Amino acid sequence: MNATRDDRKGHANELGDLLRYWRDVRGVSQLDLSLEAGISQRQISFIESGRSVPGRDTLLTLAQTLDVPLRERNALLLAAGYAPVYSEAPWNAQEMHGVVRALERVVRQHDPFPALVMDRDWNVLMSNDAAPRFFNCFIDMAARDGPRNVLHLIFDPHGMRPFVADWETVARSLLQRVYRESVGHVIGDSTKRLLDELLAYPDVPRDWKAHHGSSASSTSPALPVIPLGFISEGKVLRYFSMVSTVGTPQNIAAQELRVECMFPADDETEARHSQLLAAHATAR
């Protein structure tokens, strides 16, 4: 009997710490959370202090209100002594078949421009034919060890880094994107690890969190985005990305997937892109 009470107390304390953490991350007071979730402030206070464990539906309501990512909702459920409800099956599991087919269709139809499907840490899970063809115009992709990670590819001095135009601006914008596009807008352990690895590369600006304004030349036309430029034969090909996610996910892998489609930022890049791929195909 005493062991059971101790176990429940341990669960309650861990749950209270987690709930308080997510409330702090979102900058929400107990009163605000109470009004938004329709749950009394007293009950929320009791949960956070470890005095009570809520029912599963109540806990999921709080998690939904705080926009807690699905992976971390499972952690909340476990801390409360409940079984997880969100599948942790991998992205290519049978239950993801319909989503995977849709992703394959999206990236395939984006040819002749690169399109990639990535996980939460920017590891490439799927791409169209144009993506490796494009990067092979600059480096030998087959010589790189897997898994393929887009950010390591860009930051590595032995990868695409020597071909990146306006390096400091690009590096800052990509590092800021890691923060901005993290799942649930929360930097987890794996994202922190990725950032540490990227910052270990040479010539990465240490003040990347600071705003530096536009670095575009006064002679260049203003663009609504910061383009990612690659230098080929003395010319800069400029691209921008559109990033898509899976709508209303109920599976952790589905929530963490990102589709990145590269588009030419100007007419000159669009023309030179086709020439670059054609020239590389002929050279092979």
Protein backbone atom coordinates (compact mmCIF):
# COMPACT_ATOMS: atom_id res chain seq x y z
CA MET A 1 0.00 0.00 0.00
CA ASN A 2 2.76 2.44 0.98
CA ALA A 3 4.73 1.63 -2.19
CA THR A 4 1.69 2.49 -4.30
CA ARG A 5 1.27 5.83 -2.56
CA ASP A 6 4.97 6.58 -2.99
CA ASP A 7 4.78 5.74 -6.69
CA ARG A 8 1.82 8.06 -7.19
CA LYS A 9 3.63 10.82 -5.31
CA GLY A 10 6.68 10.38 -7.51
CA HIS A 11 4.53 10.52 -10.63
CA ALA A 12 2.74 13.61 -9.35
CA ASN A 13 5.97 15.46 -8.58
CA GLU A 14 7.45 14.70 -12.00
CA LEU A 15 4.21 15.66 -13.72
CA GLY A 16 4.00 18.89 -11.78
CA ASP A 17 7.53 19.85 -12.81
CA LEU A 18 6.78 19.10 -16.47
CA LEU A 19 3.52 21.02 -16.52
CA ARG A 20 5.16 24.01 -14.86
CA TYR A 21 8.00 23.80 -17.41
CA TRP A 22 5.61 23.95 -20.37
CA ARG A 23 3.62 26.75 -18.80
CA ASP A 24 6.85 28.73 -18.33
CA VAL A 25 7.96 28.00 -21.91
CA ARG A 26 4.68 29.39 -23.25
CA GLY A 27 4.74 32.33 -20.84
CA VAL A 28 1.29 31.45 -19.47
CA SER A 29 0.16 31.98 -15.89
CA GLN A 30 -1.92 29.45 -13.99
CA LEU A 31 -4.89 31.81 -14.30
CA ASP A 32 -4.46 32.22 -18.05
CA LEU A 33 -4.12 28.45 -18.52
CA SER A 34 -7.21 27.92 -16.38
CA LEU A 35 -9.31 30.30 -18.45
CA GLU A 36 -8.06 28.92 -21.77
CA ALA A 37 -8.39 25.23 -20.87
CA GLY A 38 -11.58 25.49 -18.83
CA ILE A 39 -9.94 23.84 -15.82
CA SER A 40 -9.88 25.46 -12.39
CA GLN A 41 -6.75 27.30 -11.33
CA ARG A 42 -6.88 25.40 -8.04
CA GLN A 43 -6.66 22.06 -9.86
CA ILE A 44 -3.72 23.29 -11.94
CA SER A 45 -2.00 24.46 -8.76
CA PHE A 46 -2.57 21.06 -7.14
CA ILE A 47 -1.11 19.27 -10.19
CA GLU A 48 2.00 21.46 -10.24
CA SER A 49 2.58 21.07 -6.51
CA GLY A 50 2.26 17.29 -6.76
CA ARG A 51 -0.87 17.17 -4.58
CA SER A 52 -3.00 15.53 -7.30
CA VAL A 53 -2.80 13.62 -10.56
CA PRO A 54 -5.41 14.67 -13.16
CA GLY A 55 -7.44 12.35 -15.31
CA ARG A 56 -5.99 11.53 -18.72
CA ASP A 57 -8.48 13.72 -20.63
CA THR A 58 -7.79 16.67 -18.35
CA LEU A 59 -4.06 16.26 -18.84
CA LEU A 60 -4.43 16.08 -22.62
CA THR A 61 -6.58 19.22 -22.55
CA LEU A 62 -3.81 21.06 -20.70
CA ALA A 63 -1.21 19.77 -23.17
CA GLN A 64 -3.36 20.82 -26.12
CA THR A 65 -3.87 24.28 -24.66
CA LEU A 66 -0.12 24.70 -24.13
CA ASP A 67 0.60 23.40 -27.66
CA VAL A 68 2.91 20.71 -26.30
CA PRO A 69 4.46 18.64 -29.13
CA LEU A 70 3.14 15.08 -29.41
CA ARG A 71 6.40 13.46 -28.33
CA GLU A 72 6.37 15.52 -25.12
CA ARG A 73 2.64 14.84 -24.57
CA ASN A 74 3.57 11.18 -24.27
CA ALA A 75 6.14 12.15 -21.64
CA LEU A 76 3.44 14.01 -19.70
CA LEU A 77 1.18 10.95 -19.83
CA LEU A 78 3.96 8.66 -18.63
CA ALA A 79 4.77 11.06 -15.79
CA ALA A 80 1.13 10.85 -14.71
CA GLY A 81 1.19 7.04 -14.83
CA TYR A 82 -0.76 6.67 -18.08
CA ALA A 83 0.19 4.84 -21.26
CA PRO A 84 1.27 7.01 -24.22
CA VAL A 85 -1.43 7.66 -26.81
CA TYR A 86 0.62 9.02 -29.71
CA SER A 87 2.37 6.50 -31.93
CA GLU A 88 6.17 6.66 -32.03
CA ALA A 89 6.37 4.49 -35.15
CA PRO A 90 9.08 5.61 -37.60
CA TRP A 91 8.29 7.81 -40.57
CA ASN A 92 8.34 4.86 -43.00
CA ALA A 93 6.10 2.55 -40.91
CA GLN A 94 3.02 1.02 -42.50
CA GLU A 95 0.71 3.40 -40.66
CA MET A 96 2.50 6.28 -42.40
CA HIS A 97 2.01 4.79 -45.88
CA GLY A 98 -0.52 7.38 -47.04
CA VAL A 99 1.60 10.28 -45.81
CA VAL A 100 4.75 8.86 -47.40
CA ARG A 101 2.99 8.42 -50.74
CA ALA A 102 1.87 12.04 -50.60
CA LEU A 103 5.40 13.21 -49.78
CA GLU A 104 6.82 11.19 -52.67
CA ARG A 105 4.33 12.88 -54.98
CA VAL A 106 5.21 16.37 -53.71
CA VAL A 107 8.98 16.01 -54.10
CA ARG A 108 8.71 14.23 -57.47
CA GLN A 109 6.55 16.97 -58.95
CA HIS A 110 9.04 19.65 -57.87
CA ASP A 111 11.62 18.58 -60.46
CA PRO A 112 13.81 20.08 -61.88
CA PHE A 113 14.42 21.91 -58.60
CA PRO A 114 15.61 20.22 -55.39
CA ALA A 115 13.04 19.02 -52.87
CA LEU A 116 13.78 17.22 -49.60
CA VAL A 117 11.86 15.57 -46.77
CA MET A 118 13.66 15.93 -43.42
CA ASP A 119 13.15 14.91 -39.81
CA ARG A 120 13.26 17.25 -36.82
CA ASP A 121 17.08 17.35 -36.96
CA TRP A 122 17.34 18.15 -40.69
CA ASN A 123 18.35 14.61 -41.64
CA VAL A 124 17.23 13.83 -45.20
CA LEU A 125 14.67 11.03 -45.35
CA MET A 126 13.60 11.42 -48.96
CA SER A 127 14.42 13.59 -51.97
CA ASN A 128 13.55 14.00 -55.61
CA ASP A 129 16.06 13.20 -58.38
CA ALA A 130 16.95 16.87 -58.78
CA ALA A 131 18.39 17.24 -55.24
CA PRO A 132 21.41 14.91 -55.54
CA ARG A 133 21.90 15.97 -59.19
CA PHE A 134 22.13 19.60 -58.08
CA PHE A 135 24.54 19.04 -55.17
CA ASN A 136 26.66 16.69 -57.28
CA CYS A 137 27.34 19.66 -59.55
CA PHE A 138 29.49 21.01 -56.71
CA ILE A 139 30.72 18.00 -54.70
CA ASP A 140 30.73 14.21 -54.83
CA MET A 141 27.73 13.33 -52.68
CA ALA A 142 28.56 9.60 -52.83
CA ALA A 143 31.79 10.29 -50.95
CA ARG A 144 29.93 11.72 -47.93
CA ASP A 145 29.00 9.47 -45.03
CA GLY A 146 25.32 9.10 -44.10
CA PRO A 147 22.93 10.02 -42.74
CA ARG A 148 22.59 13.01 -45.02
CA ASN A 149 22.03 16.16 -43.01
CA VAL A 150 21.29 19.38 -44.88
CA LEU A 151 22.84 21.71 -42.32
CA HIS A 152 26.06 19.70 -42.03
CA LEU A 153 26.21 19.67 -45.83
CA ILE A 154 26.01 23.48 -45.93
CA PHE A 155 28.32 24.19 -42.96
CA ASP A 156 31.03 21.61 -43.70
CA PRO A 157 34.17 23.16 -45.32
CA HIS A 158 34.50 19.88 -47.23
CA GLY A 159 30.87 20.04 -48.32
CA MET A 160 28.92 22.94 -49.83
CA ARG A 161 30.45 25.61 -47.60
CA PRO A 162 33.08 26.79 -50.18
CA PHE A 163 30.32 27.39 -52.72
CA VAL A 164 27.98 29.37 -50.46
CA ALA A 165 27.74 33.09 -51.25
CA ASP A 166 27.41 35.64 -48.41
CA TRP A 167 28.42 32.96 -45.93
CA GLU A 168 27.90 34.91 -42.69
CA THR A 169 24.40 36.01 -43.66
CA VAL A 170 23.44 32.47 -44.72
CA ALA A 171 24.93 30.90 -41.59
CA ARG A 172 23.04 33.30 -39.32
CA SER A 173 19.75 32.80 -41.14
CA LEU A 174 20.06 28.98 -41.03
CA LEU A 175 20.93 28.90 -37.34
CA GLN A 176 17.99 31.19 -36.61
CA ARG A 177 15.77 28.86 -38.67
CA VAL A 178 16.74 25.95 -36.43
CA TYR A 179 15.25 27.89 -33.52
CA ARG A 180 12.26 29.25 -35.42
CA GLU A 181 11.19 25.95 -36.99
CA SER A 182 11.90 23.59 -34.10
CA VAL A 183 8.94 21.34 -33.28
CA GLY A 184 6.62 23.19 -30.93
CA HIS A 185 9.09 26.10 -31.01
CA VAL A 186 11.07 24.34 -28.29
CA ILE A 187 14.76 23.49 -28.49
CA GLY A 188 15.15 19.90 -27.30
CA ASP A 189 18.32 17.96 -26.53
CA SER A 190 18.81 16.75 -30.11
CA THR A 191 18.43 20.28 -31.49
CA LYS A 192 20.90 21.64 -28.93
CA ARG A 193 23.33 18.92 -29.99
CA LEU A 194 22.88 19.86 -33.64
CA LEU A 195 23.51 23.54 -32.91
CA ASP A 196 26.69 22.68 -30.97
CA GLU A 197 27.94 20.61 -33.92
CA LEU A 198 27.26 23.40 -36.38
CA LEU A 199 28.90 26.04 -34.19
CA ALA A 200 32.02 23.83 -34.02
CA TYR A 201 32.67 24.40 -37.74
CA PRO A 202 35.15 27.17 -38.65
CA ASP A 203 34.04 30.70 -39.50
CA VAL A 204 30.55 30.37 -38.03
CA PRO A 205 29.46 33.81 -36.71
CA ARG A 206 29.18 33.69 -32.92
CA ASP A 207 26.72 36.59 -32.84
CA TRP A 208 24.23 34.70 -35.00
CA LYS A 209 21.33 35.48 -32.65
CA ALA A 210 21.73 39.22 -33.19
CA HIS A 211 19.84 41.11 -35.89
CA HIS A 212 22.17 42.47 -38.56
CA GLY A 213 19.72 43.86 -41.10
CA SER A 214 19.98 43.25 -44.82
CA SER A 215 23.41 42.55 -46.28
CA ALA A 216 22.19 42.84 -49.85
CA SER A 217 24.20 45.06 -52.14
CA SER A 218 22.64 48.41 -52.94
CA THR A 219 22.92 47.50 -56.62
CA SER A 220 20.95 44.26 -56.12
CA PRO A 221 17.16 44.20 -56.41
CA ALA A 222 15.38 43.91 -53.07
CA LEU A 223 14.11 40.42 -52.34
CA PRO A 224 11.33 39.47 -49.90
CA VAL A 225 13.51 36.65 -48.49
CA ILE A 226 17.17 36.00 -47.71
CA PRO A 227 18.27 33.83 -50.64
CA LEU A 228 20.66 30.91 -50.38
CA GLY A 229 23.30 31.54 -53.03
CA PHE A 230 25.65 28.97 -54.58
CA ILE A 231 28.68 30.01 -56.64
CA SER A 232 29.16 28.17 -59.94
CA GLU A 233 31.75 29.29 -62.50
CA GLY A 234 31.95 32.73 -60.93
CA LYS A 235 28.17 33.26 -61.03
CA VAL A 236 25.81 33.14 -58.06
CA LEU A 237 22.67 31.05 -58.32
CA ARG A 238 20.16 32.26 -55.74
CA TYR A 239 17.36 30.14 -54.28
CA PHE A 240 14.74 30.44 -51.59
CA SER A 241 12.82 27.69 -49.81
CA MET A 242 9.22 26.90 -49.03
CA VAL A 243 8.79 24.66 -46.00
CA SER A 244 5.68 22.51 -45.51
CA THR A 245 4.46 20.34 -42.64
CA VAL A 246 1.81 17.65 -42.30
CA GLY A 247 -1.54 19.09 -41.20
CA THR A 248 -3.27 17.92 -37.98
CA PRO A 249 -0.77 15.13 -37.19
CA GLN A 250 -1.67 12.38 -34.71
CA ASN A 251 1.62 10.54 -35.07
CA ILE A 252 4.94 11.83 -33.72
CA ALA A 253 6.83 11.14 -36.95
CA ALA A 254 4.16 12.93 -38.98
CA GLN A 255 4.41 16.02 -36.77
CA GLU A 256 8.20 16.14 -37.05
CA LEU A 257 8.44 15.84 -40.84
CA ARG A 258 9.47 18.88 -42.89
CA VAL A 259 9.28 19.24 -46.67
CA GLU A 260 11.70 21.79 -48.14
CA CYS A 261 11.33 22.83 -51.77
CA MET A 262 13.97 25.07 -53.34
CA PHE A 263 12.89 27.66 -55.90
CA PRO A 264 15.04 30.00 -58.04
CA ALA A 265 14.94 33.52 -56.61
CA ASP A 266 15.26 35.19 -60.03
CA ASP A 267 14.94 34.50 -63.77
CA GLU A 268 18.71 34.29 -64.27
CA THR A 269 19.02 31.55 -61.65
CA GLU A 270 16.15 29.61 -63.21
CA ALA A 271 17.89 29.64 -66.61
CA ARG A 272 21.33 28.83 -65.21
CA HIS A 273 19.92 26.02 -63.04
CA SER A 274 18.78 24.09 -66.09
CA GLN A 275 22.11 24.73 -67.83
CA LEU A 276 24.06 23.56 -64.78
CA LEU A 277 22.20 20.25 -64.51
CA ALA A 278 22.45 19.65 -68.26
CA ALA A 279 26.19 20.38 -68.31
CA HIS A 280 26.84 18.05 -65.38
CA ALA A 281 24.80 15.26 -66.98
CA THR A 282 26.80 15.65 -70.21
CA ALA A 283 30.12 15.66 -68.33
CA ARG A 284 29.28 12.34 -66.72
